[in-house]
Amino acid sequence: MTANHSWSRIGVVLLALGLMAASAFAQANDRLGLPGPIDFEGEAYGLAWSSQPSENYIKQEYLPAGDSPERYKQMILVETVSGGIAVMDAVRAQVDMLNKRKASDPLVNMDVIQNEATGEALLDFIISTKGNDGQYIVEWNSYRYARYSDATGNRGVMLFGVSRRAYGDDASKALLTQLKVLRPGRIKALTQVVLPRPAP
């Protein structure tokens, strides 16, 4: 995707905190034909965890050296789902989950950006939780959703996402402050990156 494609904001609701569950018992079986490493903004992310919750849904997580799925600072996510689901169906499902999370997570904040020229969409959101020590864990995610076809031609959606996480009240506050500068560049890079092509 190039920078001259027109991305327009829809449904702006910016301010979210709600946390993805940590990946327990990490396994790094490549289920997508994307063994990595994946390069993003000059940094290499190696395959660290994968899962196939259902026959048509696969998710993989990639981390820089030194990070672990259970306690990471930066992550790349690649997910595919086939079966006729459309891009905006996938986005709405995630938005619904985030809206429900607001009841227990006062920091939940999201923004949806759509590129009508390509049929893609981007969901930018913040979530949070508290650790066993009572301190905040804050996570910022930006998910790019694109059309996808699996090896048998079934259509669906690919998610390519970037994630940042901070642990503890001080680090969480620092991340939220840094996002004012970090977000625009990361989102621009995410919209311009060439999406990986899973092998058959």
N, C-alpha and C. Protein backbone atom coordinates (compact mmCIF):
# COMPACT_ATOMS: atom_id res chain seq x y z
N MET A 1 0.85 -1.19 0.00
CA MET A 1 0.00 0.00 0.00
C MET A 1 0.88 1.23 0.00
N THR A 2 0.55 2.21 -0.77
CA THR A 2 1.36 3.42 -0.84
C THR A 2 0.71 4.55 -0.09
N ALA A 3 1.49 5.57 0.18
CA ALA A 3 1.02 6.66 1.02
C ALA A 3 -0.09 7.47 0.37
N ASN A 4 -0.22 7.42 -0.96
CA ASN A 4 -1.20 8.27 -1.60
C ASN A 4 -2.61 7.66 -1.57
N HIS A 5 -2.75 6.46 -1.06
CA HIS A 5 -4.09 5.90 -0.90
C HIS A 5 -4.82 6.69 0.17
N SER A 6 -6.10 6.86 -0.02
CA SER A 6 -6.88 7.70 0.89
C SER A 6 -7.47 6.90 2.04
N TRP A 7 -7.02 7.20 3.24
CA TRP A 7 -7.56 6.57 4.45
C TRP A 7 -8.46 7.59 5.14
N SER A 8 -9.71 7.23 5.37
CA SER A 8 -10.63 8.14 6.04
C SER A 8 -11.10 7.56 7.36
N ARG A 9 -11.20 8.39 8.36
CA ARG A 9 -11.59 7.94 9.69
C ARG A 9 -13.09 7.72 9.76
N ILE A 10 -13.47 6.61 10.41
CA ILE A 10 -14.89 6.37 10.65
C ILE A 10 -15.04 5.95 12.10
N GLY A 11 -16.13 6.35 12.71
CA GLY A 11 -16.43 5.93 14.08
C GLY A 11 -15.33 6.26 15.06
N VAL A 12 -14.88 7.48 15.11
CA VAL A 12 -13.78 7.84 16.00
C VAL A 12 -14.25 7.85 17.46
N VAL A 13 -13.58 7.08 18.29
CA VAL A 13 -13.89 7.00 19.72
C VAL A 13 -12.56 6.82 20.43
N LEU A 14 -11.68 7.75 20.48
CA LEU A 14 -10.28 7.49 20.84
C LEU A 14 -9.97 7.56 22.33
N LEU A 15 -9.84 6.44 22.98
CA LEU A 15 -9.32 6.33 24.36
C LEU A 15 -9.67 4.98 24.93
N ALA A 16 -8.80 3.96 24.78
CA ALA A 16 -9.16 2.61 25.20
C ALA A 16 -8.05 1.89 25.90
N LEU A 17 -8.37 1.09 26.89
CA LEU A 17 -7.39 0.24 27.53
C LEU A 17 -8.05 -1.07 27.91
N GLY A 18 -7.61 -2.19 27.40
CA GLY A 18 -8.12 -3.52 27.68
C GLY A 18 -7.11 -4.48 27.13
N LEU A 19 -6.78 -5.54 27.84
CA LEU A 19 -5.57 -6.28 27.52
C LEU A 19 -5.81 -7.65 26.91
N MET A 20 -5.04 -7.99 25.89
CA MET A 20 -5.06 -9.34 25.36
C MET A 20 -4.46 -10.27 26.40
N ALA A 21 -5.02 -11.44 26.49
CA ALA A 21 -4.48 -12.42 27.43
C ALA A 21 -3.08 -12.82 27.00
N ALA A 22 -2.22 -13.06 27.98
CA ALA A 22 -0.87 -13.50 27.66
C ALA A 22 -0.92 -14.89 27.05
N SER A 23 0.04 -15.19 26.18
CA SER A 23 0.07 -16.48 25.50
C SER A 23 0.76 -17.51 26.37
N ALA A 24 -0.02 -18.28 27.08
CA ALA A 24 0.55 -19.28 27.97
C ALA A 24 1.01 -20.49 27.15
N PHE A 25 2.02 -21.18 27.66
CA PHE A 25 2.51 -22.39 27.03
C PHE A 25 2.82 -22.15 25.54
N ALA A 26 3.68 -21.18 25.31
CA ALA A 26 3.96 -20.73 23.94
C ALA A 26 4.48 -21.86 23.07
N GLN A 27 3.95 -21.95 21.87
CA GLN A 27 4.42 -22.86 20.84
C GLN A 27 4.68 -22.04 19.59
N ALA A 28 5.71 -22.40 18.85
CA ALA A 28 6.07 -21.62 17.68
C ALA A 28 6.04 -22.47 16.42
N ASN A 29 4.93 -23.18 16.20
CA ASN A 29 4.77 -23.96 14.98
C ASN A 29 4.25 -23.03 13.89
N ASP A 30 4.96 -22.96 12.77
CA ASP A 30 4.52 -22.11 11.66
C ASP A 30 3.35 -22.77 10.95
N ARG A 31 2.17 -22.18 11.10
CA ARG A 31 0.95 -22.74 10.51
C ARG A 31 0.53 -21.98 9.25
N LEU A 32 1.22 -20.88 8.94
CA LEU A 32 0.83 -20.02 7.83
C LEU A 32 1.83 -20.02 6.67
N GLY A 33 2.93 -20.74 6.84
CA GLY A 33 3.98 -20.63 5.83
C GLY A 33 4.69 -19.30 5.91
N LEU A 34 4.73 -18.72 7.12
CA LEU A 34 5.42 -17.45 7.37
C LEU A 34 6.38 -17.64 8.55
N PRO A 35 7.47 -18.37 8.35
CA PRO A 35 8.37 -18.67 9.47
C PRO A 35 9.09 -17.45 10.03
N GLY A 36 9.13 -16.36 9.24
CA GLY A 36 9.83 -15.17 9.70
C GLY A 36 11.33 -15.31 9.47
N PRO A 37 12.13 -14.35 9.92
CA PRO A 37 11.63 -13.18 10.67
C PRO A 37 10.89 -12.19 9.77
N ILE A 38 10.01 -11.41 10.39
CA ILE A 38 9.31 -10.33 9.71
C ILE A 38 10.01 -9.03 10.07
N ASP A 39 10.32 -8.25 9.06
CA ASP A 39 10.98 -6.96 9.29
C ASP A 39 9.92 -5.85 9.34
N PHE A 40 9.98 -5.05 10.40
CA PHE A 40 9.07 -3.91 10.50
C PHE A 40 9.84 -2.72 11.06
N GLU A 41 9.90 -1.66 10.29
CA GLU A 41 10.64 -0.46 10.65
C GLU A 41 12.08 -0.78 11.05
N GLY A 42 12.70 -1.69 10.29
CA GLY A 42 14.11 -1.98 10.49
C GLY A 42 14.42 -2.94 11.62
N GLU A 43 13.40 -3.52 12.25
CA GLU A 43 13.62 -4.47 13.34
C GLU A 43 13.07 -5.83 12.95
N ALA A 44 13.81 -6.89 13.29
CA ALA A 44 13.42 -8.26 12.95
C ALA A 44 12.58 -8.86 14.07
N TYR A 45 11.46 -9.45 13.68
CA TYR A 45 10.56 -10.12 14.61
C TYR A 45 10.49 -11.60 14.24
N GLY A 46 10.89 -12.47 15.17
CA GLY A 46 10.88 -13.90 14.93
C GLY A 46 9.61 -14.57 15.44
N LEU A 47 9.21 -15.65 14.81
CA LEU A 47 8.02 -16.38 15.22
C LEU A 47 8.19 -16.91 16.64
N ALA A 48 7.25 -16.55 17.54
CA ALA A 48 7.36 -16.94 18.94
C ALA A 48 6.18 -17.77 19.43
N TRP A 49 5.04 -17.69 18.75
CA TRP A 49 3.84 -18.40 19.21
C TRP A 49 2.84 -18.51 18.08
N SER A 50 2.10 -19.63 18.06
CA SER A 50 1.05 -19.79 17.06
C SER A 50 -0.08 -20.62 17.63
N SER A 51 -1.24 -20.47 17.01
CA SER A 51 -2.42 -21.21 17.45
C SER A 51 -3.39 -21.33 16.29
N GLN A 52 -4.17 -22.41 16.29
CA GLN A 52 -5.22 -22.57 15.30
C GLN A 52 -6.51 -22.91 16.05
N PRO A 53 -7.22 -21.87 16.53
CA PRO A 53 -8.43 -22.09 17.33
C PRO A 53 -9.52 -22.85 16.59
N SER A 54 -9.56 -22.70 15.26
CA SER A 54 -10.54 -23.44 14.47
C SER A 54 -9.94 -23.74 13.10
N GLU A 55 -10.64 -24.55 12.30
CA GLU A 55 -10.09 -24.98 11.02
C GLU A 55 -9.77 -23.81 10.11
N ASN A 56 -10.56 -22.73 10.20
CA ASN A 56 -10.37 -21.62 9.27
C ASN A 56 -9.77 -20.38 9.93
N TYR A 57 -9.21 -20.53 11.14
CA TYR A 57 -8.67 -19.38 11.86
C TYR A 57 -7.30 -19.72 12.42
N ILE A 58 -6.28 -18.96 11.99
CA ILE A 58 -4.90 -19.16 12.44
C ILE A 58 -4.34 -17.85 12.92
N LYS A 59 -3.57 -17.89 14.01
CA LYS A 59 -2.93 -16.67 14.53
C LYS A 59 -1.49 -16.98 14.91
N GLN A 60 -0.61 -16.05 14.59
CA GLN A 60 0.81 -16.19 14.92
C GLN A 60 1.35 -14.87 15.47
N GLU A 61 2.28 -14.99 16.43
CA GLU A 61 2.88 -13.83 17.06
C GLU A 61 4.38 -13.84 16.82
N TYR A 62 4.92 -12.66 16.52
CA TYR A 62 6.34 -12.50 16.22
C TYR A 62 6.93 -11.46 17.17
N LEU A 63 8.10 -11.76 17.72
CA LEU A 63 8.71 -10.89 18.72
C LEU A 63 10.16 -10.58 18.37
N PRO A 64 10.66 -9.42 18.82
CA PRO A 64 12.09 -9.14 18.67
C PRO A 64 12.88 -9.97 19.68
N ALA A 65 14.16 -10.10 19.45
CA ALA A 65 15.01 -10.86 20.36
C ALA A 65 14.90 -10.30 21.78
N GLY A 66 14.77 -11.20 22.75
CA GLY A 66 14.71 -10.79 24.15
C GLY A 66 13.32 -10.70 24.73
N ASP A 67 12.29 -10.62 23.87
CA ASP A 67 10.91 -10.58 24.36
C ASP A 67 10.32 -11.99 24.39
N SER A 68 9.31 -12.19 25.23
CA SER A 68 8.60 -13.47 25.29
C SER A 68 7.11 -13.20 25.16
N PRO A 69 6.33 -14.17 24.66
CA PRO A 69 4.89 -13.95 24.51
C PRO A 69 4.19 -13.59 25.82
N GLU A 70 4.69 -14.12 26.93
CA GLU A 70 4.05 -13.86 28.21
C GLU A 70 4.34 -12.45 28.75
N ARG A 71 5.47 -11.88 28.35
CA ARG A 71 5.83 -10.55 28.85
C ARG A 71 6.64 -9.82 27.78
N TYR A 72 5.94 -9.31 26.81
CA TYR A 72 6.60 -8.66 25.68
C TYR A 72 6.47 -7.15 25.78
N LYS A 73 7.34 -6.46 25.05
CA LYS A 73 7.23 -5.01 24.91
C LYS A 73 6.75 -4.62 23.52
N GLN A 74 7.17 -5.41 22.51
CA GLN A 74 6.75 -5.15 21.13
C GLN A 74 6.38 -6.47 20.47
N MET A 75 5.40 -6.43 19.58
CA MET A 75 4.95 -7.65 18.92
C MET A 75 4.38 -7.32 17.55
N ILE A 76 4.54 -8.28 16.63
CA ILE A 76 3.84 -8.28 15.34
C ILE A 76 2.88 -9.46 15.37
N LEU A 77 1.64 -9.24 14.94
CA LEU A 77 0.65 -10.30 14.88
C LEU A 77 0.22 -10.51 13.44
N VAL A 78 0.06 -11.77 13.05
CA VAL A 78 -0.51 -12.11 11.75
C VAL A 78 -1.61 -13.14 12.01
N GLU A 79 -2.81 -12.83 11.56
CA GLU A 79 -3.93 -13.74 11.72
C GLU A 79 -4.67 -13.86 10.39
N THR A 80 -5.20 -15.03 10.11
CA THR A 80 -6.04 -15.22 8.93
C THR A 80 -7.30 -15.96 9.32
N VAL A 81 -8.39 -15.56 8.72
CA VAL A 81 -9.66 -16.27 8.88
C VAL A 81 -10.33 -16.34 7.52
N SER A 82 -10.75 -17.53 7.14
CA SER A 82 -11.43 -17.70 5.86
C SER A 82 -12.87 -18.13 6.12
N GLY A 83 -13.65 -18.19 5.05
CA GLY A 83 -15.03 -18.59 5.21
C GLY A 83 -16.01 -17.50 4.82
N GLY A 84 -15.54 -16.56 4.01
CA GLY A 84 -16.46 -15.56 3.50
C GLY A 84 -16.61 -14.31 4.34
N ILE A 85 -15.90 -14.22 5.46
CA ILE A 85 -15.99 -13.02 6.30
C ILE A 85 -15.39 -11.83 5.57
N ALA A 86 -16.02 -10.67 5.69
CA ALA A 86 -15.54 -9.45 5.05
C ALA A 86 -14.69 -8.63 6.03
N VAL A 87 -13.91 -7.72 5.48
CA VAL A 87 -13.02 -6.90 6.30
C VAL A 87 -13.79 -6.18 7.40
N MET A 88 -14.85 -5.47 7.04
CA MET A 88 -15.56 -4.68 8.05
C MET A 88 -16.32 -5.56 9.04
N ASP A 89 -16.66 -6.79 8.66
CA ASP A 89 -17.25 -7.72 9.63
C ASP A 89 -16.24 -8.03 10.74
N ALA A 90 -14.99 -8.27 10.34
CA ALA A 90 -13.94 -8.56 11.31
C ALA A 90 -13.68 -7.36 12.20
N VAL A 91 -13.66 -6.17 11.60
CA VAL A 91 -13.43 -4.95 12.38
C VAL A 91 -14.57 -4.75 13.38
N ARG A 92 -15.80 -4.89 12.94
CA ARG A 92 -16.95 -4.68 13.84
C ARG A 92 -16.95 -5.67 15.00
N ALA A 93 -16.53 -6.90 14.73
CA ALA A 93 -16.47 -7.90 15.81
C ALA A 93 -15.49 -7.47 16.89
N GLN A 94 -14.32 -6.94 16.47
CA GLN A 94 -13.33 -6.48 17.44
C GLN A 94 -13.82 -5.23 18.16
N VAL A 95 -14.48 -4.33 17.45
CA VAL A 95 -15.01 -3.12 18.07
C VAL A 95 -16.07 -3.48 19.09
N ASP A 96 -16.92 -4.45 18.79
CA ASP A 96 -17.94 -4.89 19.74
C ASP A 96 -17.29 -5.41 21.02
N MET A 97 -16.22 -6.19 20.86
CA MET A 97 -15.52 -6.72 22.04
C MET A 97 -14.94 -5.58 22.88
N LEU A 98 -14.37 -4.58 22.21
CA LEU A 98 -13.80 -3.45 22.93
C LEU A 98 -14.88 -2.64 23.64
N ASN A 99 -16.02 -2.45 22.99
CA ASN A 99 -17.11 -1.71 23.63
C ASN A 99 -17.60 -2.43 24.88
N LYS A 100 -17.67 -3.75 24.82
CA LYS A 100 -18.08 -4.52 26.00
C LYS A 100 -17.04 -4.42 27.10
N ARG A 101 -15.79 -4.31 26.71
CA ARG A 101 -14.70 -4.24 27.69
C ARG A 101 -14.73 -2.94 28.49
N LYS A 102 -15.35 -1.90 27.92
CA LYS A 102 -15.38 -0.60 28.59
C LYS A 102 -15.99 -0.68 29.99
N ALA A 103 -16.87 -1.64 30.20
CA ALA A 103 -17.52 -1.77 31.51
C ALA A 103 -16.51 -2.09 32.60
N SER A 104 -15.41 -2.76 32.26
CA SER A 104 -14.41 -3.14 33.25
C SER A 104 -13.06 -2.48 33.03
N ASP A 105 -12.90 -1.78 31.92
CA ASP A 105 -11.62 -1.16 31.59
C ASP A 105 -11.85 0.30 31.21
N PRO A 106 -11.64 1.22 32.15
CA PRO A 106 -11.94 2.62 31.90
C PRO A 106 -11.01 3.29 30.88
N LEU A 107 -9.92 2.63 30.51
CA LEU A 107 -8.97 3.22 29.57
C LEU A 107 -9.22 2.83 28.12
N VAL A 108 -10.22 1.98 27.87
CA VAL A 108 -10.48 1.54 26.50
C VAL A 108 -10.72 2.76 25.59
N ASN A 109 -10.04 2.73 24.45
CA ASN A 109 -10.05 3.86 23.53
C ASN A 109 -9.76 3.32 22.14
N MET A 110 -10.54 3.71 21.13
CA MET A 110 -10.31 3.15 19.81
C MET A 110 -10.60 4.14 18.70
N ASP A 111 -10.04 3.86 17.54
CA ASP A 111 -10.23 4.66 16.34
C ASP A 111 -10.22 3.70 15.15
N VAL A 112 -11.17 3.85 14.24
CA VAL A 112 -11.23 3.02 13.04
C VAL A 112 -10.97 3.91 11.83
N ILE A 113 -10.05 3.46 10.97
CA ILE A 113 -9.71 4.18 9.75
C ILE A 113 -9.95 3.24 8.57
N GLN A 114 -10.62 3.72 7.55
CA GLN A 114 -10.96 2.88 6.40
C GLN A 114 -10.33 3.42 5.13
N ASN A 115 -9.80 2.51 4.31
CA ASN A 115 -9.26 2.86 3.00
C ASN A 115 -10.20 2.26 1.95
N GLU A 116 -11.09 3.09 1.44
CA GLU A 116 -12.09 2.60 0.49
C GLU A 116 -11.47 2.18 -0.83
N ALA A 117 -10.32 2.76 -1.18
CA ALA A 117 -9.68 2.42 -2.45
C ALA A 117 -9.17 0.98 -2.47
N THR A 118 -8.73 0.49 -1.32
CA THR A 118 -8.18 -0.87 -1.25
C THR A 118 -9.11 -1.86 -0.56
N GLY A 119 -10.15 -1.35 0.09
CA GLY A 119 -11.04 -2.23 0.84
C GLY A 119 -10.47 -2.65 2.18
N GLU A 120 -9.41 -1.98 2.61
CA GLU A 120 -8.78 -2.31 3.89
C GLU A 120 -9.29 -1.40 5.00
N ALA A 121 -8.99 -1.78 6.23
CA ALA A 121 -9.35 -0.96 7.39
C ALA A 121 -8.28 -1.11 8.46
N LEU A 122 -8.17 -0.11 9.32
CA LEU A 122 -7.21 -0.14 10.40
C LEU A 122 -7.93 0.20 11.71
N LEU A 123 -7.72 -0.64 12.72
CA LEU A 123 -8.29 -0.43 14.05
C LEU A 123 -7.14 -0.11 14.99
N ASP A 124 -7.19 1.06 15.59
CA ASP A 124 -6.15 1.56 16.49
C ASP A 124 -6.77 1.64 17.88
N PHE A 125 -6.19 0.95 18.88
CA PHE A 125 -6.85 0.94 20.19
C PHE A 125 -5.88 0.74 21.34
N ILE A 126 -6.33 1.19 22.50
CA ILE A 126 -5.60 1.02 23.75
C ILE A 126 -6.47 0.22 24.70
N ILE A 127 -5.83 -0.69 25.43
CA ILE A 127 -6.52 -1.47 26.45
C ILE A 127 -5.63 -1.56 27.68
N SER A 128 -6.21 -1.96 28.81
CA SER A 128 -5.41 -2.08 30.03
C SER A 128 -6.01 -3.13 30.96
N THR A 129 -5.20 -3.54 31.89
CA THR A 129 -5.64 -4.40 32.98
C THR A 129 -4.70 -4.12 34.14
N LYS A 130 -4.92 -4.80 35.26
CA LYS A 130 -4.01 -4.68 36.40
C LYS A 130 -3.39 -6.03 36.69
N GLY A 131 -2.10 -6.03 36.96
CA GLY A 131 -1.39 -7.25 37.28
C GLY A 131 -1.67 -7.70 38.69
N ASN A 132 -1.07 -8.82 39.08
CA ASN A 132 -1.25 -9.34 40.43
C ASN A 132 -0.76 -8.38 41.50
N ASP A 133 0.14 -7.48 41.12
CA ASP A 133 0.66 -6.50 42.07
C ASP A 133 -0.21 -5.25 42.15
N GLY A 134 -1.32 -5.23 41.40
CA GLY A 134 -2.21 -4.08 41.43
C GLY A 134 -1.79 -2.94 40.52
N GLN A 135 -0.67 -3.12 39.81
CA GLN A 135 -0.16 -2.07 38.92
C GLN A 135 -0.74 -2.26 37.52
N TYR A 136 -0.87 -1.15 36.81
CA TYR A 136 -1.42 -1.20 35.46
C TYR A 136 -0.49 -1.90 34.48
N ILE A 137 -1.10 -2.61 33.54
CA ILE A 137 -0.45 -3.10 32.34
C ILE A 137 -1.23 -2.47 31.19
N VAL A 138 -0.54 -1.70 30.35
CA VAL A 138 -1.20 -0.98 29.27
C VAL A 138 -0.70 -1.52 27.93
N GLU A 139 -1.64 -1.66 27.00
CA GLU A 139 -1.30 -2.20 25.69
C GLU A 139 -1.90 -1.32 24.60
N TRP A 140 -1.05 -0.95 23.64
CA TRP A 140 -1.53 -0.23 22.46
C TRP A 140 -1.38 -1.15 21.25
N ASN A 141 -2.44 -1.22 20.45
CA ASN A 141 -2.45 -2.08 19.27
C ASN A 141 -2.94 -1.31 18.06
N SER A 142 -2.41 -1.65 16.91
CA SER A 142 -2.93 -1.13 15.66
C SER A 142 -3.03 -2.31 14.70
N TYR A 143 -4.25 -2.64 14.27
CA TYR A 143 -4.51 -3.80 13.43
C TYR A 143 -4.91 -3.35 12.03
N ARG A 144 -4.23 -3.86 11.04
CA ARG A 144 -4.59 -3.62 9.64
C ARG A 144 -5.31 -4.85 9.10
N TYR A 145 -6.51 -4.64 8.59
CA TYR A 145 -7.32 -5.73 8.06
C TYR A 145 -7.36 -5.63 6.54
N ALA A 146 -7.09 -6.76 5.86
CA ALA A 146 -7.08 -6.79 4.39
C ALA A 146 -7.76 -8.05 3.90
N ARG A 147 -8.23 -8.02 2.65
CA ARG A 147 -8.83 -9.20 2.05
C ARG A 147 -7.78 -10.30 1.91
N TYR A 148 -8.23 -11.53 1.99
CA TYR A 148 -7.32 -12.68 2.00
C TYR A 148 -8.00 -13.87 1.36
N SER A 149 -7.24 -14.70 0.66
CA SER A 149 -7.74 -15.97 0.14
C SER A 149 -6.78 -17.08 0.56
N ASP A 150 -7.32 -18.19 1.08
CA ASP A 150 -6.45 -19.27 1.51
C ASP A 150 -6.04 -20.13 0.31
N ALA A 151 -5.30 -21.21 0.58
CA ALA A 151 -4.73 -22.02 -0.48
C ALA A 151 -5.79 -22.67 -1.36
N THR A 152 -6.98 -22.87 -0.84
CA THR A 152 -8.05 -23.50 -1.62
C THR A 152 -8.98 -22.48 -2.26
N GLY A 153 -8.66 -21.18 -2.10
CA GLY A 153 -9.45 -20.14 -2.73
C GLY A 153 -10.57 -19.59 -1.87
N ASN A 154 -10.69 -20.10 -0.63
CA ASN A 154 -11.70 -19.55 0.27
C ASN A 154 -11.33 -18.13 0.68
N ARG A 155 -12.27 -17.22 0.56
CA ARG A 155 -11.98 -15.82 0.87
C ARG A 155 -12.18 -15.53 2.35
N GLY A 156 -11.43 -14.56 2.80
CA GLY A 156 -11.54 -14.17 4.19
C GLY A 156 -10.77 -12.89 4.45
N VAL A 157 -10.15 -12.81 5.63
CA VAL A 157 -9.48 -11.59 6.07
C VAL A 157 -8.13 -11.93 6.68
N MET A 158 -7.13 -11.11 6.37
CA MET A 158 -5.85 -11.18 7.08
C MET A 158 -5.73 -9.97 8.00
N LEU A 159 -5.25 -10.22 9.20
CA LEU A 159 -4.94 -9.16 10.14
C LEU A 159 -3.42 -9.10 10.27
N PHE A 160 -2.85 -7.92 10.08
CA PHE A 160 -1.43 -7.68 10.33
C PHE A 160 -1.38 -6.57 11.35
N GLY A 161 -0.87 -6.86 12.53
CA GLY A 161 -0.94 -5.88 13.60
C GLY A 161 0.39 -5.63 14.30
N VAL A 162 0.49 -4.46 14.90
CA VAL A 162 1.62 -4.12 15.76
C VAL A 162 1.09 -3.86 17.16
N SER A 163 1.89 -4.23 18.15
CA SER A 163 1.46 -4.08 19.54
C SER A 163 2.62 -3.60 20.39
N ARG A 164 2.32 -2.72 21.34
CA ARG A 164 3.29 -2.27 22.35
C ARG A 164 2.66 -2.46 23.71
N ARG A 165 3.45 -2.90 24.68
CA ARG A 165 2.91 -3.13 26.02
C ARG A 165 3.87 -2.59 27.07
N ALA A 166 3.30 -2.08 28.16
CA ALA A 166 4.09 -1.56 29.28
C ALA A 166 3.56 -2.15 30.58
N TYR A 167 4.47 -2.42 31.52
CA TYR A 167 4.12 -3.06 32.78
C TYR A 167 4.45 -2.13 33.96
N GLY A 168 3.45 -1.92 34.82
CA GLY A 168 3.65 -1.06 35.98
C GLY A 168 3.09 0.33 35.72
N ASP A 169 2.69 1.02 36.79
CA ASP A 169 2.06 2.33 36.64
C ASP A 169 2.96 3.34 35.95
N ASP A 170 4.22 3.38 36.35
CA ASP A 170 5.13 4.38 35.77
C ASP A 170 5.38 4.11 34.29
N ALA A 171 5.67 2.84 33.94
CA ALA A 171 5.93 2.50 32.55
C ALA A 171 4.68 2.69 31.70
N SER A 172 3.51 2.38 32.27
CA SER A 172 2.26 2.55 31.54
C SER A 172 1.99 4.01 31.24
N LYS A 173 2.23 4.86 32.23
CA LYS A 173 2.06 6.30 32.03
C LYS A 173 3.02 6.81 30.97
N ALA A 174 4.26 6.31 31.00
CA ALA A 174 5.25 6.73 30.02
C ALA A 174 4.84 6.31 28.60
N LEU A 175 4.30 5.08 28.46
CA LEU A 175 3.87 4.62 27.14
C LEU A 175 2.73 5.49 26.61
N LEU A 176 1.76 5.81 27.46
CA LEU A 176 0.64 6.64 27.03
C LEU A 176 1.13 8.01 26.57
N THR A 177 2.14 8.54 27.25
CA THR A 177 2.71 9.83 26.85
C THR A 177 3.46 9.70 25.52
N GLN A 178 4.22 8.60 25.36
CA GLN A 178 5.00 8.39 24.14
C GLN A 178 4.12 8.18 22.91
N LEU A 179 2.90 7.68 23.12
CA LEU A 179 2.03 7.38 21.99
C LEU A 179 1.71 8.62 21.16
N LYS A 180 1.73 9.78 21.77
CA LYS A 180 1.45 11.02 21.03
C LYS A 180 2.44 11.18 19.88
N VAL A 181 3.67 10.73 20.08
CA VAL A 181 4.70 10.81 19.06
C VAL A 181 4.81 9.49 18.29
N LEU A 182 4.66 8.38 18.99
CA LEU A 182 4.86 7.06 18.40
C LEU A 182 3.77 6.67 17.41
N ARG A 183 2.51 6.93 17.76
CA ARG A 183 1.38 6.43 16.97
C ARG A 183 1.41 6.85 15.50
N PRO A 184 1.56 8.14 15.19
CA PRO A 184 1.47 8.52 13.77
C PRO A 184 2.47 7.79 12.87
N GLY A 185 3.71 7.68 13.33
CA GLY A 185 4.72 7.01 12.53
C GLY A 185 4.47 5.53 12.39
N ARG A 186 4.06 4.90 13.48
CA ARG A 186 3.79 3.46 13.44
C ARG A 186 2.58 3.16 12.55
N ILE A 187 1.56 3.98 12.65
CA ILE A 187 0.37 3.75 11.83
C ILE A 187 0.70 3.96 10.36
N LYS A 188 1.48 4.98 10.04
CA LYS A 188 1.88 5.21 8.65
C LYS A 188 2.67 4.01 8.13
N ALA A 189 3.61 3.52 8.93
CA ALA A 189 4.40 2.37 8.52
C ALA A 189 3.52 1.14 8.32
N LEU A 190 2.53 0.96 9.19
CA LEU A 190 1.64 -0.19 9.10
C LEU A 190 0.80 -0.14 7.82
N THR A 191 0.34 1.05 7.44
CA THR A 191 -0.48 1.15 6.23
C THR A 191 0.34 0.99 4.96
N GLN A 192 1.67 1.17 5.06
CA GLN A 192 2.52 1.10 3.87
C GLN A 192 3.27 -0.22 3.73
N VAL A 193 3.35 -1.00 4.80
CA VAL A 193 4.12 -2.24 4.75
C VAL A 193 3.49 -3.22 3.75
N VAL A 194 4.35 -3.95 3.03
CA VAL A 194 3.87 -4.99 2.12
C VAL A 194 3.44 -6.18 2.97
N LEU A 195 2.19 -6.56 2.87
CA LEU A 195 1.68 -7.64 3.70
C LEU A 195 2.32 -8.96 3.30
N PRO A 196 2.63 -9.82 4.29
CA PRO A 196 3.21 -11.12 3.96
C PRO A 196 2.22 -11.98 3.20
N ARG A 197 2.73 -12.90 2.43
CA ARG A 197 1.87 -13.82 1.67
C ARG A 197 2.06 -15.23 2.23
N PRO A 198 1.07 -15.72 2.97
CA PRO A 198 1.18 -17.08 3.51
C PRO A 198 1.37 -18.10 2.38
N ALA A 199 2.21 -19.10 2.64
CA ALA A 199 2.44 -20.14 1.64
C ALA A 199 1.25 -21.09 1.61
N PRO A 200 1.01 -21.75 0.47
CA PRO A 200 -0.09 -22.72 0.39
C PRO A 200 0.09 -23.87 1.35
